[in-house]
Amino acid sequence: MAKICELTGVGQRKGSIIWRSGKSKKSGGIGTHVTAITKRKFMPNLQRVKALINGEVRYIRVTANALKKGLVTKAPKRTWKKDAVKAKA
């Protein structure tokens, strides 16, 4: 499954890890030096949420940022009990 927000379309971003060695000048050293740079990915903070979409309740994967902004209308709480439905059938 793709790590993409279903509402905003936010996906993973490229970046890099920078390794440094040495002691900073502020701490009394001769300064830090970059020893290696490797690629990495920044993943979005996806949450699985039960939402109301087009009058239908379903699970979607949404970023935490979209939830904070209020872009998701959460599904109403279930009022019926499983036992009551089995008794009717």
PDB file of N, CA and C in Angstrom:
ATOM      1  N   MET A   1       0.845  -1.174   0.000  1.00  0.00           N
ATOM      2  CA  MET A   1       0.000   0.000   0.000  1.00  0.00           C
ATOM      3  C   MET A   1       0.894   1.244   0.000  1.00  0.00           C
ATOM      4  N   ALA A   2       0.552   2.212  -0.822  1.00  0.00           N
ATOM      5  CA  ALA A   2       1.344   3.428  -0.921  1.00  0.00           C
ATOM      6  C   ALA A   2       1.208   4.269   0.342  1.00  0.00           C
ATOM      7  N   LYS A   3       2.304   4.908   0.711  1.00  0.00           N
ATOM      8  CA  LYS A   3       2.290   5.765   1.901  1.00  0.00           C
ATOM      9  C   LYS A   3       1.951   7.189   1.483  1.00  0.00           C
ATOM     10  N   ILE A   4       0.693   7.354   1.053  1.00  0.00           N
ATOM     11  CA  ILE A   4       0.211   8.644   0.559  1.00  0.00           C
ATOM     12  C   ILE A   4      -1.109   8.973   1.253  1.00  0.00           C
ATOM     13  N   CYS A   5      -1.268  10.240   1.644  1.00  0.00           N
ATOM     14  CA  CYS A   5      -2.510  10.700   2.248  1.00  0.00           C
ATOM     15  C   CYS A   5      -3.605  10.704   1.185  1.00  0.00           C
ATOM     16  N   GLU A   6      -4.762  10.136   1.513  1.00  0.00           N
ATOM     17  CA  GLU A   6      -5.849  10.039   0.532  1.00  0.00           C
ATOM     18  C   GLU A   6      -6.562  11.369   0.307  1.00  0.00           C
ATOM     19  N   LEU A   7      -6.409  12.321   1.211  1.00  0.00           N
ATOM     20  CA  LEU A   7      -7.059  13.620   1.050  1.00  0.00           C
ATOM     21  C   LEU A   7      -6.132  14.671   0.441  1.00  0.00           C
ATOM     22  N   THR A   8      -4.937  14.813   1.015  1.00  0.00           N
ATOM     23  CA  THR A   8      -4.040  15.875   0.584  1.00  0.00           C
ATOM     24  C   THR A   8      -3.029  15.430  -0.465  1.00  0.00           C
ATOM     25  N   GLY A   9      -2.810  14.125  -0.591  1.00  0.00           N
ATOM     26  CA  GLY A   9      -1.855  13.617  -1.584  1.00  0.00           C
ATOM     27  C   GLY A   9      -0.405  13.722  -1.137  1.00  0.00           C
ATOM     28  N   VAL A  10      -0.181  14.012   0.138  1.00  0.00           N
ATOM     29  CA  VAL A  10       1.184  14.121   0.658  1.00  0.00           C
ATOM     30  C   VAL A  10       1.816  12.733   0.690  1.00  0.00           C
ATOM     31  N   GLY A  11       3.022  12.621   0.131  1.00  0.00           N
ATOM     32  CA  GLY A  11       3.733  11.351   0.117  1.00  0.00           C
ATOM     33  C   GLY A  11       5.084  11.488   0.779  1.00  0.00           C
ATOM     34  N   GLN A  12       5.965  10.542   0.496  1.00  0.00           N
ATOM     35  CA  GLN A  12       7.290  10.596   1.093  1.00  0.00           C
ATOM     36  C   GLN A  12       8.153  11.649   0.403  1.00  0.00           C
ATOM     37  N   ARG A  13       9.103  12.212   1.150  1.00  0.00           N
ATOM     38  CA  ARG A  13      10.015  13.229   0.628  1.00  0.00           C
ATOM     39  C   ARG A  13      11.442  12.719   0.731  1.00  0.00           C
ATOM     40  N   LYS A  14      12.293  13.206  -0.181  1.00  0.00           N
ATOM     41  CA  LYS A  14      13.693  12.808  -0.164  1.00  0.00           C
ATOM     42  C   LYS A  14      14.493  13.738   0.727  1.00  0.00           C
ATOM     43  N   GLY A  15      15.547  13.195   1.302  1.00  0.00           N
ATOM     44  CA  GLY A  15      16.428  14.000   2.136  1.00  0.00           C
ATOM     45  C   GLY A  15      17.751  13.278   2.288  1.00  0.00           C
ATOM     46  N   SER A  16      18.551  13.726   3.226  1.00  0.00           N
ATOM     47  CA  SER A  16      19.827  13.072   3.450  1.00  0.00           C
ATOM     48  C   SER A  16      20.213  13.114   4.921  1.00  0.00           C
ATOM     49  N   ILE A  17      21.003  12.108   5.302  1.00  0.00           N
ATOM     50  CA  ILE A  17      21.574  12.053   6.640  1.00  0.00           C
ATOM     51  C   ILE A  17      23.006  12.549   6.498  1.00  0.00           C
ATOM     52  N   ILE A  18      23.390  13.510   7.316  1.00  0.00           N
ATOM     53  CA  ILE A  18      24.744  14.062   7.248  1.00  0.00           C
ATOM     54  C   ILE A  18      25.487  13.677   8.517  1.00  0.00           C
ATOM     55  N   TRP A  19      26.582  12.880   8.350  1.00  0.00           N
ATOM     56  CA  TRP A  19      27.424  12.505   9.475  1.00  0.00           C
ATOM     57  C   TRP A  19      28.528  13.530   9.625  1.00  0.00           C
ATOM     58  N   ARG A  20      28.701  13.967  10.857  1.00  0.00           N
ATOM     59  CA  ARG A  20      29.764  14.935  11.122  1.00  0.00           C
ATOM     60  C   ARG A  20      30.674  14.376  12.208  1.00  0.00           C
ATOM     61  N   SER A  21      31.946  14.738  12.135  1.00  0.00           N
ATOM     62  CA  SER A  21      32.871  14.340  13.190  1.00  0.00           C
ATOM     63  C   SER A  21      33.658  15.550  13.642  1.00  0.00           C
ATOM     64  N   GLY A  22      34.221  15.470  14.820  1.00  0.00           N
ATOM     65  CA  GLY A  22      35.004  16.565  15.374  1.00  0.00           C
ATOM     66  C   GLY A  22      34.235  17.330  16.427  1.00  0.00           C
ATOM     67  N   LYS A  23      34.936  18.208  17.072  1.00  0.00           N
ATOM     68  CA  LYS A  23      34.362  19.015  18.149  1.00  0.00           C
ATOM     69  C   LYS A  23      34.128  20.428  17.625  1.00  0.00           C
ATOM     70  N   SER A  24      32.974  20.996  17.951  1.00  0.00           N
ATOM     71  CA  SER A  24      32.651  22.330  17.454  1.00  0.00           C
ATOM     72  C   SER A  24      33.611  23.374  18.022  1.00  0.00           C
ATOM     73  N   LYS A  25      33.792  24.446  17.283  1.00  0.00           N
ATOM     74  CA  LYS A  25      34.684  25.533  17.716  1.00  0.00           C
ATOM     75  C   LYS A  25      34.173  26.161  19.014  1.00  0.00           C
ATOM     76  N   LYS A  26      32.838  26.219  19.127  1.00  0.00           N
ATOM     77  CA  LYS A  26      32.218  26.791  20.322  1.00  0.00           C
ATOM     78  C   LYS A  26      32.605  25.995  21.570  1.00  0.00           C
ATOM     79  N   SER A  27      32.785  24.684  21.394  1.00  0.00           N
ATOM     80  CA  SER A  27      33.139  23.815  22.521  1.00  0.00           C
ATOM     81  C   SER A  27      34.648  23.693  22.725  1.00  0.00           C
ATOM     82  N   GLY A  28      35.431  24.426  21.914  1.00  0.00           N
ATOM     83  CA  GLY A  28      36.886  24.405  22.088  1.00  0.00           C
ATOM     84  C   GLY A  28      37.626  23.512  21.116  1.00  0.00           C
ATOM     85  N   GLY A  29      36.936  23.007  20.082  1.00  0.00           N
ATOM     86  CA  GLY A  29      37.602  22.167  19.091  1.00  0.00           C
ATOM     87  C   GLY A  29      38.034  22.965  17.878  1.00  0.00           C
ATOM     88  N   ILE A  30      38.408  22.242  16.815  1.00  0.00           N
ATOM     89  CA  ILE A  30      38.847  22.927  15.588  1.00  0.00           C
ATOM     90  C   ILE A  30      37.729  22.966  14.546  1.00  0.00           C
ATOM     91  N   GLY A  31      36.536  22.530  14.926  1.00  0.00           N
ATOM     92  CA  GLY A  31      35.390  22.576  14.021  1.00  0.00           C
ATOM     93  C   GLY A  31      34.978  21.198  13.564  1.00  0.00           C
ATOM     94  N   THR A  32      33.700  21.054  13.203  1.00  0.00           N
ATOM     95  CA  THR A  32      33.196  19.761  12.736  1.00  0.00           C
ATOM     96  C   THR A  32      33.371  19.650  11.229  1.00  0.00           C
ATOM     97  N   HIS A  33      33.482  18.413  10.755  1.00  0.00           N
ATOM     98  CA  HIS A  33      33.647  18.152   9.324  1.00  0.00           C
ATOM     99  C   HIS A  33      32.643  17.098   8.898  1.00  0.00           C
ATOM    100  N   VAL A  34      32.120  17.230   7.697  1.00  0.00           N
ATOM    101  CA  VAL A  34      31.187  16.245   7.147  1.00  0.00           C
ATOM    102  C   VAL A  34      32.002  15.046   6.683  1.00  0.00           C
ATOM    103  N   THR A  35      31.643  13.846   7.179  1.00  0.00           N
ATOM    104  CA  THR A  35      32.375  12.643   6.791  1.00  0.00           C
ATOM    105  C   THR A  35      31.597  11.796   5.794  1.00  0.00           C
ATOM    106  N   ALA A  36      30.251  11.881   5.821  1.00  0.00           N
ATOM    107  CA  ALA A  36      29.451  11.083   4.880  1.00  0.00           C
ATOM    108  C   ALA A  36      28.069  11.684   4.746  1.00  0.00           C
ATOM    109  N   ILE A  37      27.490  11.531   3.568  1.00  0.00           N
ATOM    110  CA  ILE A  37      26.107  11.934   3.316  1.00  0.00           C
ATOM    111  C   ILE A  37      25.409  10.767   2.639  1.00  0.00           C
ATOM    112  N   THR A  38      24.320  10.283   3.253  1.00  0.00           N
ATOM    113  CA  THR A  38      23.559   9.199   2.641  1.00  0.00           C
ATOM    114  C   THR A  38      22.112   9.631   2.479  1.00  0.00           C
ATOM    115  N   LYS A  39      21.432   9.007   1.523  1.00  0.00           N
ATOM    116  CA  LYS A  39      20.046   9.356   1.239  1.00  0.00           C
ATOM    117  C   LYS A  39      19.099   8.714   2.250  1.00  0.00           C
ATOM    118  N   ARG A  40      17.991   9.394   2.508  1.00  0.00           N
ATOM    119  CA  ARG A  40      16.951   8.868   3.381  1.00  0.00           C
ATOM    120  C   ARG A  40      15.598   9.375   2.905  1.00  0.00           C
ATOM    121  N   LYS A  41      14.531   8.855   3.527  1.00  0.00           N
ATOM    122  CA  LYS A  41      13.169   9.261   3.177  1.00  0.00           C
ATOM    123  C   LYS A  41      12.474   9.834   4.399  1.00  0.00           C
ATOM    124  N   PHE A  42      11.714  10.912   4.193  1.00  0.00           N
ATOM    125  CA  PHE A  42      10.867  11.468   5.238  1.00  0.00           C
ATOM    126  C   PHE A  42       9.455  10.974   4.962  1.00  0.00           C
ATOM    127  N   MET A  43       8.914  10.139   5.849  1.00  0.00           N
ATOM    128  CA  MET A  43       7.590   9.564   5.666  1.00  0.00           C
ATOM    129  C   MET A  43       6.517  10.452   6.308  1.00  0.00           C
ATOM    130  N   PRO A  44       5.338  10.542   5.679  1.00  0.00           N
ATOM    131  CA  PRO A  44       4.263  11.323   6.299  1.00  0.00           C
ATOM    132  C   PRO A  44       3.693  10.574   7.501  1.00  0.00           C
ATOM    133  N   ASN A  45       3.148  11.324   8.449  1.00  0.00           N
ATOM    134  CA  ASN A  45       2.561  10.748   9.659  1.00  0.00           C
ATOM    135  C   ASN A  45       1.130  10.319   9.336  1.00  0.00           C
ATOM    136  N   LEU A  46       0.978   9.122   8.772  1.00  0.00           N
ATOM    137  CA  LEU A  46      -0.337   8.627   8.347  1.00  0.00           C
ATOM    138  C   LEU A  46      -1.075   7.943   9.485  1.00  0.00           C
ATOM    139  N   GLN A  47      -2.375   8.201   9.550  1.00  0.00           N
ATOM    140  CA  GLN A  47      -3.252   7.594  10.544  1.00  0.00           C
ATOM    141  C   GLN A  47      -4.411   6.926   9.809  1.00  0.00           C
ATOM    142  N   ARG A  48      -4.831   5.767  10.314  1.00  0.00           N
ATOM    143  CA  ARG A  48      -5.973   5.059   9.733  1.00  0.00           C
ATOM    144  C   ARG A  48      -7.220   5.535  10.468  1.00  0.00           C
ATOM    145  N   VAL A  49      -8.139   6.175   9.738  1.00  0.00           N
ATOM    146  CA  VAL A  49      -9.296   6.815  10.355  1.00  0.00           C
ATOM    147  C   VAL A  49     -10.581   6.334   9.697  1.00  0.00           C
ATOM    148  N   LYS A  50     -11.601   6.114  10.528  1.00  0.00           N
ATOM    149  CA  LYS A  50     -12.919   5.770  10.007  1.00  0.00           C
ATOM    150  C   LYS A  50     -13.618   7.083   9.690  1.00  0.00           C
ATOM    151  N   ALA A  51     -13.880   7.324   8.406  1.00  0.00           N
ATOM    152  CA  ALA A  51     -14.423   8.623   7.992  1.00  0.00           C
ATOM    153  C   ALA A  51     -15.678   8.450   7.158  1.00  0.00           C
ATOM    154  N   LEU A  52     -16.430   9.535   7.063  1.00  0.00           N
ATOM    155  CA  LEU A  52     -17.651   9.570   6.272  1.00  0.00           C
ATOM    156  C   LEU A  52     -17.310  10.195   4.920  1.00  0.00           C
ATOM    157  N   ILE A  53     -17.364   9.390   3.850  1.00  0.00           N
ATOM    158  CA  ILE A  53     -17.014   9.865   2.517  1.00  0.00           C
ATOM    159  C   ILE A  53     -18.156   9.548   1.562  1.00  0.00           C
ATOM    160  N   ASN A  54     -18.717  10.596   0.955  1.00  0.00           N
ATOM    161  CA  ASN A  54     -19.856  10.468   0.036  1.00  0.00           C
ATOM    162  C   ASN A  54     -21.015   9.695   0.674  1.00  0.00           C
ATOM    163  N   GLY A  55     -21.283   9.950   1.937  1.00  0.00           N
ATOM    164  CA  GLY A  55     -22.369   9.286   2.656  1.00  0.00           C
ATOM    165  C   GLY A  55     -22.081   7.853   3.034  1.00  0.00           C
ATOM    166  N   GLU A  56     -20.834   7.420   2.868  1.00  0.00           N
ATOM    167  CA  GLU A  56     -20.438   6.039   3.134  1.00  0.00           C
ATOM    168  C   GLU A  56     -19.327   6.030   4.182  1.00  0.00           C
ATOM    169  N   VAL A  57     -19.401   5.131   5.142  1.00  0.00           N
ATOM    170  CA  VAL A  57     -18.380   5.026   6.175  1.00  0.00           C
ATOM    171  C   VAL A  57     -17.318   4.055   5.709  1.00  0.00           C
ATOM    172  N   ARG A  58     -16.061   4.516   5.688  1.00  0.00           N
ATOM    173  CA  ARG A  58     -14.955   3.631   5.322  1.00  0.00           C
ATOM    174  C   ARG A  58     -13.656   4.126   5.958  1.00  0.00           C
ATOM    175  N   TYR A  59     -12.673   3.237   6.001  1.00  0.00           N
ATOM    176  CA  TYR A  59     -11.377   3.584   6.558  1.00  0.00           C
ATOM    177  C   TYR A  59     -10.523   4.251   5.488  1.00  0.00           C
ATOM    178  N   ILE A  60      -9.841   5.328   5.864  1.00  0.00           N
ATOM    179  CA  ILE A  60      -8.911   5.989   4.951  1.00  0.00           C
ATOM    180  C   ILE A  60      -7.611   6.268   5.695  1.00  0.00           C
ATOM    181  N   ARG A  61      -6.539   6.430   4.928  1.00  0.00           N
ATOM    182  CA  ARG A  61      -5.238   6.768   5.503  1.00  0.00           C
ATOM    183  C   ARG A  61      -4.993   8.254   5.280  1.00  0.00           C
ATOM    184  N   VAL A  62      -4.901   8.988   6.373  1.00  0.00           N
ATOM    185  CA  VAL A  62      -4.814  10.448   6.325  1.00  0.00           C
ATOM    186  C   VAL A  62      -3.653  10.919   7.192  1.00  0.00           C
ATOM    187  N   THR A  63      -3.005  12.008   6.786  1.00  0.00           N
ATOM    188  CA  THR A  63      -1.932  12.571   7.600  1.00  0.00           C
ATOM    189  C   THR A  63      -2.507  13.204   8.864  1.00  0.00           C
ATOM    190  N   ALA A  64      -1.687  13.230   9.904  1.00  0.00           N
ATOM    191  CA  ALA A  64      -2.099  13.836  11.173  1.00  0.00           C
ATOM    192  C   ALA A  64      -2.382  15.321  10.975  1.00  0.00           C
ATOM    193  N   ASN A  65      -1.665  15.948  10.049  1.00  0.00           N
ATOM    194  CA  ASN A  65      -1.862  17.366   9.756  1.00  0.00           C
ATOM    195  C   ASN A  65      -3.264  17.617   9.193  1.00  0.00           C
ATOM    196  N   ALA A  66      -3.747  16.731   8.314  1.00  0.00           N
ATOM    197  CA  ALA A  66      -5.094  16.861   7.746  1.00  0.00           C
ATOM    198  C   ALA A  66      -6.161  16.683   8.835  1.00  0.00           C
ATOM    199  N   LEU A  67      -5.896  15.798   9.796  1.00  0.00           N
ATOM    200  CA  LEU A  67      -6.827  15.605  10.912  1.00  0.00           C
ATOM    201  C   LEU A  67      -6.900  16.863  11.764  1.00  0.00           C
ATOM    202  N   LYS A  68      -5.745  17.476  12.035  1.00  0.00           N
ATOM    203  CA  LYS A  68      -5.702  18.699  12.845  1.00  0.00           C
ATOM    204  C   LYS A  68      -6.446  19.841  12.162  1.00  0.00           C
ATOM    205  N   LYS A  69      -6.331  19.927  10.839  1.00  0.00           N
ATOM    206  CA  LYS A  69      -6.987  20.998  10.084  1.00  0.00           C
ATOM    207  C   LYS A  69      -8.490  20.794   9.997  1.00  0.00           C
ATOM    208  N   GLY A  70      -8.974  19.588  10.289  1.00  0.00           N
ATOM    209  CA  GLY A  70     -10.402  19.303  10.254  1.00  0.00           C
ATOM    210  C   GLY A  70     -10.899  18.945   8.868  1.00  0.00           C
ATOM    211  N   LEU A  71     -10.025  18.379   8.020  1.00  0.00           N
ATOM    212  CA  LEU A  71     -10.412  17.992   6.669  1.00  0.00           C
ATOM    213  C   LEU A  71     -11.216  16.690   6.647  1.00  0.00           C
ATOM    214  N   VAL A  72     -11.206  15.964   7.764  1.00  0.00           N
ATOM    215  CA  VAL A  72     -11.884  14.671   7.836  1.00  0.00           C
ATOM    216  C   VAL A  72     -13.142  14.798   8.676  1.00  0.00           C
ATOM    217  N   THR A  73     -14.268  14.280   8.141  1.00  0.00           N
ATOM    218  CA  THR A  73     -15.486  14.185   8.957  1.00  0.00           C
ATOM    219  C   THR A  73     -15.547  12.752   9.470  1.00  0.00           C
ATOM    220  N   LYS A  74     -15.393  12.615  10.777  1.00  0.00           N
ATOM    221  CA  LYS A  74     -15.345  11.283  11.355  1.00  0.00           C
ATOM    222  C   LYS A  74     -16.717  10.622  11.305  1.00  0.00           C
ATOM    223  N   ALA A  75     -16.728   9.307  11.247  1.00  0.00           N
ATOM    224  CA  ALA A  75     -17.969   8.537  11.179  1.00  0.00           C
ATOM    225  C   ALA A  75     -18.714   8.623  12.501  1.00  0.00           C
ATOM    226  N   PRO A  76     -20.057   8.625  12.457  1.00  0.00           N
ATOM    227  CA  PRO A  76     -20.819   8.674  13.705  1.00  0.00           C
ATOM    228  C   PRO A  76     -20.637   7.379  14.497  1.00  0.00           C
ATOM    229  N   LYS A  77     -20.756   7.475  15.810  1.00  0.00           N
ATOM    230  CA  LYS A  77     -20.616   6.306  16.679  1.00  0.00           C
ATOM    231  C   LYS A  77     -21.757   5.337  16.439  1.00  0.00           C
ATOM    232  N   ARG A  78     -21.459   4.057  16.558  1.00  0.00           N
ATOM    233  CA  ARG A  78     -22.449   3.017  16.358  1.00  0.00           C
ATOM    234  C   ARG A  78     -23.367   2.950  17.566  1.00  0.00           C
ATOM    235  N   THR A  79     -24.686   2.914  17.328  1.00  0.00           N
ATOM    236  CA  THR A  79     -25.638   2.906  18.445  1.00  0.00           C
ATOM    237  C   THR A  79     -26.236   1.520  18.690  1.00  0.00           C
ATOM    238  N   TRP A  80     -26.212   0.638  17.697  1.00  0.00           N
ATOM    239  CA  TRP A  80     -26.810  -0.678  17.867  1.00  0.00           C
ATOM    240  C   TRP A  80     -25.784  -1.668  18.412  1.00  0.00           C
ATOM    241  N   LYS A  81     -26.297  -2.744  19.034  1.00  0.00           N
ATOM    242  CA  LYS A  81     -25.454  -3.781  19.607  1.00  0.00           C
ATOM    243  C   LYS A  81     -25.495  -5.015  18.706  1.00  0.00           C
ATOM    244  N   LYS A  82     -24.440  -5.781  18.702  1.00  0.00           N
ATOM    245  CA  LYS A  82     -24.354  -6.990  17.872  1.00  0.00           C
ATOM    246  C   LYS A  82     -25.425  -8.015  18.303  1.00  0.00           C
ATOM    247  N   ASP A  83     -25.636  -8.146  19.595  1.00  0.00           N
ATOM    248  CA  ASP A  83     -26.605  -9.122  20.118  1.00  0.00           C
ATOM    249  C   ASP A  83     -28.030  -8.811  19.654  1.00  0.00           C
ATOM    250  N   ALA A  84     -28.387  -7.520  19.568  1.00  0.00           N
ATOM    251  CA  ALA A  84     -29.723  -7.123  19.151  1.00  0.00           C
ATOM    252  C   ALA A  84     -29.990  -7.507  17.696  1.00  0.00           C
ATOM    253  N   VAL A  85     -28.973  -7.397  16.866  1.00  0.00           N
ATOM    254  CA  VAL A  85     -29.130  -7.738  15.435  1.00  0.00           C
ATOM    255  C   VAL A  85     -29.287  -9.246  15.273  1.00  0.00           C
ATOM    256  N   LYS A  86     -28.550 -10.036  16.046  1.00  0.00           N
ATOM    257  CA  LYS A  86     -28.623 -11.498  15.972  1.00  0.00           C
ATOM    258  C   LYS A  86     -29.995 -11.977  16.466  1.00  0.00           C
ATOM    259  N   ALA A  87     -30.554 -11.322  17.466  1.00  0.00           N
ATOM    260  CA  ALA A  87     -31.852 -11.696  18.024  1.00  0.00           C
ATOM    261  C   ALA A  87     -32.974 -11.498  16.998  1.00  0.00           C
ATOM    262  N   LYS A  88     -32.877 -10.421  16.185  1.00  0.00           N
ATOM    263  CA  LYS A  88     -33.894 -10.146  15.165  1.00  0.00           C
ATOM    264  C   LYS A  88     -33.839 -11.162  14.023  1.00  0.00           C
ATOM    265  N   ALA A  89     -32.671 -11.638  13.674  1.00  0.00           N
ATOM    266  CA  ALA A  89     -32.499 -12.553  12.536  1.00  0.00           C
ATOM    267  C   ALA A  89     -32.810 -13.966  12.870  1.00  0.00           C
TER     268      ALA A  89
END
